Structures are given as C-alpha cells and as structure tokens.
Protein backbone atom coordinates (compact mmCIF):
# COMPACT_ATOMS: atom_id res chain seq x y z
CA MET A 1 20.59 -7.13 16.49
CA LYS A 2 22.03 -3.63 16.05
CA ASP A 3 25.38 -4.95 14.80
CA LYS A 4 23.77 -7.16 12.14
CA PRO A 5 23.54 -4.33 9.52
CA GLU A 6 27.21 -3.52 10.22
CA GLN A 7 28.12 -7.19 9.70
CA ASP A 8 26.15 -7.20 6.46
CA ALA A 9 27.92 -4.05 5.27
CA ASP A 10 31.34 -5.54 6.12
CA LEU A 11 30.49 -8.76 4.33
CA PHE A 12 29.32 -6.82 1.27
CA ARG A 13 32.56 -4.78 1.17
CA GLN A 14 34.60 -8.01 1.34
CA VAL A 15 32.64 -9.59 -1.51
CA VAL A 16 32.93 -6.58 -3.85
CA ALA A 17 36.50 -5.63 -2.90
CA ASP A 18 37.99 -7.04 -6.13
CA VAL A 19 35.26 -5.74 -8.44
CA THR A 20 36.33 -3.24 -11.08
CA PRO A 21 33.67 -0.63 -11.88
CA LEU A 22 32.63 -0.18 -15.50
CA PRO A 23 33.97 2.89 -17.21
CA SER A 24 31.36 5.63 -17.24
CA ASN A 25 31.17 5.75 -21.05
CA ASN A 26 29.94 2.11 -21.16
CA ARG A 27 26.69 2.87 -19.38
CA LEU A 28 23.38 3.38 -21.07
CA THR A 29 20.88 5.80 -19.65
CA PRO A 30 17.48 4.11 -19.52
CA THR A 31 14.79 5.95 -21.38
CA PRO A 32 11.18 5.57 -20.34
CA LYS A 33 8.75 4.19 -22.87
CA PRO A 34 6.83 7.12 -24.36
CA ARG A 35 3.17 7.27 -23.39
CA ARG A 36 0.95 8.57 -26.10
CA THR A 37 -2.26 10.24 -25.15
CA PHE A 38 -5.10 10.97 -27.47
CA VAL A 39 -6.10 14.61 -27.40
CA LYS A 40 -9.53 15.30 -28.74
CA ALA A 41 -11.13 18.65 -29.40
CA VAL A 42 -14.00 19.24 -26.99
CA GLY A 43 -17.35 18.42 -28.57
CA VAL A 44 -15.83 17.15 -31.83
CA ASN A 45 -15.99 13.48 -32.74
CA ILE A 46 -13.01 12.53 -34.88
CA VAL A 47 -14.44 9.09 -35.70
CA ALA A 48 -18.09 8.11 -35.93
CA ASP A 49 -19.20 5.91 -33.04
CA THR A 50 -20.86 2.95 -34.74
CA PHE A 51 -20.50 0.34 -31.99
CA SER A 52 -23.64 -1.20 -30.58
CA ASP A 53 -24.08 -2.59 -27.05
CA HIS A 54 -27.05 -4.68 -28.23
CA ALA A 55 -26.73 -8.45 -27.67
CA ALA A 56 -23.41 -8.21 -25.84
CA GLY A 57 -24.65 -10.66 -23.20
CA ASP A 58 -23.22 -11.29 -19.71
CA THR A 59 -20.13 -13.31 -20.66
CA ALA A 60 -17.11 -11.98 -22.53
CA LEU A 61 -15.71 -13.79 -25.53
CA THR A 62 -12.26 -15.27 -24.86
CA ASP A 63 -11.30 -15.16 -28.52
CA PHE A 64 -12.65 -14.24 -31.92
CA PHE A 65 -11.63 -14.58 -35.55
CA ARG A 66 -13.37 -13.55 -38.76
CA ASN A 67 -14.97 -16.05 -41.10
CA GLY A 68 -12.51 -17.16 -43.75
CA LEU A 69 -9.52 -16.65 -41.45
CA ASN A 70 -7.37 -19.68 -40.74
CA ARG A 71 -7.54 -20.95 -37.15
CA MET A 72 -3.71 -21.05 -37.24
CA THR A 73 -3.78 -17.23 -37.33
CA LEU A 74 -5.50 -17.18 -33.94
CA ARG A 75 -2.94 -19.66 -32.59
CA LYS A 76 -0.09 -17.44 -33.83
CA LEU A 77 -1.73 -14.42 -32.17
CA ARG A 78 -1.92 -16.30 -28.84
CA ARG A 79 1.78 -17.22 -29.16
CA GLY A 80 2.71 -13.58 -29.64
CA GLU A 81 4.08 -13.93 -33.17
CA TRP A 82 3.01 -10.35 -33.96
CA PRO A 83 4.68 -7.71 -31.79
CA ILE A 84 2.36 -5.42 -29.84
CA GLN A 85 2.63 -2.02 -31.51
CA ASP A 86 0.36 0.04 -29.25
CA VAL A 87 -1.64 -0.25 -26.03
CA LEU A 88 -4.94 1.26 -24.96
CA ASP A 89 -5.92 1.25 -21.29
CA LEU A 90 -9.64 1.73 -20.61
CA HIS A 91 -9.50 1.31 -16.80
CA GLY A 92 -11.82 3.58 -14.87
CA MET A 93 -13.75 4.83 -17.90
CA THR A 94 -17.48 4.83 -18.32
CA ASN A 95 -19.01 2.63 -20.99
CA ASP A 96 -19.57 5.63 -23.31
CA GLU A 97 -16.06 7.02 -22.81
CA ALA A 98 -14.50 3.62 -23.46
CA ARG A 99 -16.59 3.04 -26.60
CA ARG A 100 -15.58 6.40 -28.11
CA LEU A 101 -11.91 6.04 -27.19
CA LEU A 102 -11.76 2.48 -28.53
CA SER A 103 -13.29 3.62 -31.81
CA GLU A 104 -10.75 6.44 -32.14
CA PHE A 105 -7.88 4.16 -31.11
CA LEU A 106 -8.78 1.53 -33.70
CA HIS A 107 -9.07 4.24 -36.35
CA HIS A 108 -5.65 5.61 -35.40
CA ALA A 109 -4.07 2.12 -35.31
CA SER A 110 -5.46 1.39 -38.79
CA GLN A 111 -4.14 4.71 -40.10
CA GLN A 112 -0.68 3.84 -38.71
CA ASP A 113 -0.96 0.37 -40.29
CA PHE A 114 -0.46 -1.34 -36.92
CA ARG A 115 -1.06 -5.08 -37.07
CA CYS A 116 -1.28 -5.99 -33.39
CA ILE A 117 -2.46 -3.98 -30.40
CA ASN A 118 -3.23 -4.65 -26.74
CA VAL A 119 -6.53 -3.34 -25.36
CA ILE A 120 -6.69 -3.37 -21.56
CA HIS A 121 -10.24 -3.21 -20.24
CA GLY A 122 -9.83 -4.71 -16.77
CA LYS A 123 -11.65 -7.71 -15.36
CA GLY A 124 -14.44 -5.79 -13.70
CA TRP A 125 -16.38 -6.70 -10.59
CA ARG A 126 -19.78 -8.23 -11.19
CA SER A 127 -21.94 -10.42 -9.01
CA GLU A 128 -23.11 -13.96 -9.72
CA GLY A 129 -19.97 -14.95 -11.64
CA ARG A 130 -20.65 -12.67 -14.60
CA ASP A 131 -17.90 -10.75 -16.37
CA GLY A 132 -17.50 -7.00 -15.93
CA LEU A 133 -19.58 -4.76 -18.20
CA LEU A 134 -16.57 -3.02 -19.79
CA LYS A 135 -14.87 -6.37 -20.46
CA VAL A 136 -17.98 -7.80 -22.15
CA ASN A 137 -18.70 -4.66 -24.17
CA THR A 138 -15.11 -4.03 -25.28
CA ARG A 139 -14.82 -7.52 -26.72
CA HIS A 140 -18.27 -7.20 -28.29
CA TRP A 141 -17.31 -3.87 -29.91
CA LEU A 142 -14.11 -5.37 -31.31
CA THR A 143 -16.15 -7.99 -33.19
CA GLN A 144 -18.04 -5.13 -34.89
CA HIS A 145 -15.01 -3.24 -36.19
CA PRO A 146 -14.20 -4.01 -39.85
CA HIS A 147 -10.41 -3.84 -39.35
CA VAL A 148 -10.36 -6.36 -36.48
CA LEU A 149 -9.41 -9.76 -37.89
CA ALA A 150 -9.05 -11.62 -34.59
CA PHE A 151 -8.48 -11.22 -30.88
CA CYS A 152 -7.52 -13.44 -27.98
CA GLU A 153 -7.19 -13.03 -24.26
CA ALA A 154 -3.77 -11.63 -23.40
CA PRO A 155 -1.29 -13.78 -21.46
CA ALA A 156 -0.88 -13.10 -17.74
CA HIS A 157 2.15 -10.83 -18.23
CA ALA A 158 0.16 -8.57 -20.60
CA GLY A 159 -3.08 -8.26 -18.64
CA GLY A 160 -4.55 -11.78 -18.63
CA GLY A 161 -8.34 -11.84 -18.48
CA GLY A 162 -8.36 -8.06 -18.26
CA ALA A 163 -6.92 -7.49 -21.75
CA VAL A 164 -7.04 -8.70 -25.33
CA TRP A 165 -4.46 -8.87 -28.09
CA VAL A 166 -6.06 -7.67 -31.30
CA LEU A 167 -4.92 -8.50 -34.85
CA LEU A 168 -5.81 -5.80 -37.37
CA LYS A 169 -6.05 -5.87 -41.17
CA SER A 170 -3.03 -4.59 -42.98
CA ASN A 171 -3.62 -1.58 -45.22
CA HIS A 172 -1.29 -3.25 -47.71
CA ALA A 173 -3.36 -6.42 -48.04
CA LYS A 174 -4.97 -6.77 -51.40
C-alpha cells in the first residue's frame, strides 16, 4: 500500500503534463464577505424595545404576511425574488439579548432601506415536539414590527427551519 500514493502522484503528473498554467495577471484574489457587527454603547438603548413575548405560544409560525398584502408577494419571497441584503445571527443569545438586537437590526435595515433580510435564530431544542423558545419568539416579534411586511421560512441552503427571510417596507413606498 505504500506505493499507492506514488502511483497516484505519477498518474496525476501524466494527466496534467499538457496543461498550460494561467498567466498570473488573470487570477482574482478572493475577498471574504465583510461581517458587520453592531456596536452598542454600554447601557444605552439605541432603539426602544417594544416587542412583547405575550401570546407567542409553543409553535413557531412558518410564514406571515400583513393584511392587504397579496399572497403572491409571499410566494415571490419564498422563491427568492428579492436578494438578501443583510443577515442577523441570533445563535447562542438569551431571549432578552436577541429581542434587543433584533429590534436594533430591524431599525438599521429600515434606515438603510433594505427590502429583504435573513434572520437566523436556530431551531432550538425543546421537549415534546415543541419549537425552540428563540425560534418561536423571534417569529412572534417580527409580526409586531411595523416595517415587516412578510416572512417565510428560509430554504435549506439559507438556514431552513432555523431562519426566516423577511420582507421589509420600502422607505420610498407612498
């Protein structure tokens, strides 16, 4: 078995023998996606926390859309017709931390006139088939925010049951 790696190396050299390398000026240097962090002054609330945990229940909503909104809008959101413009990850946070950060994030997204965001809350581990507390509460809080038009569960590649795609009101809408 020791000569197998040598055989593999010889075979590789034979296969790539006629390959011409790209000139060095044709190569792009990959740049990592910038990660934005929210820095908050200690003890200062930038945005008022108006979310209520009351009546959140034990089961998370899979989708939501405001009254008067066309059901086709929710279908377009599920299909990914609006590009995700920002992501918030609430993994590992307490309920209070997540509520405050979500409130600030939604405020910031509205100020930036973002239309679609991804909020990752995780699936959570609860007994008796119930959804995780953060999952239930995050989706409940989103229904309370005036700029949230709709949300749906994210597809598997974007977090699945542990995330939601959120459609926000445009500041330019009349």
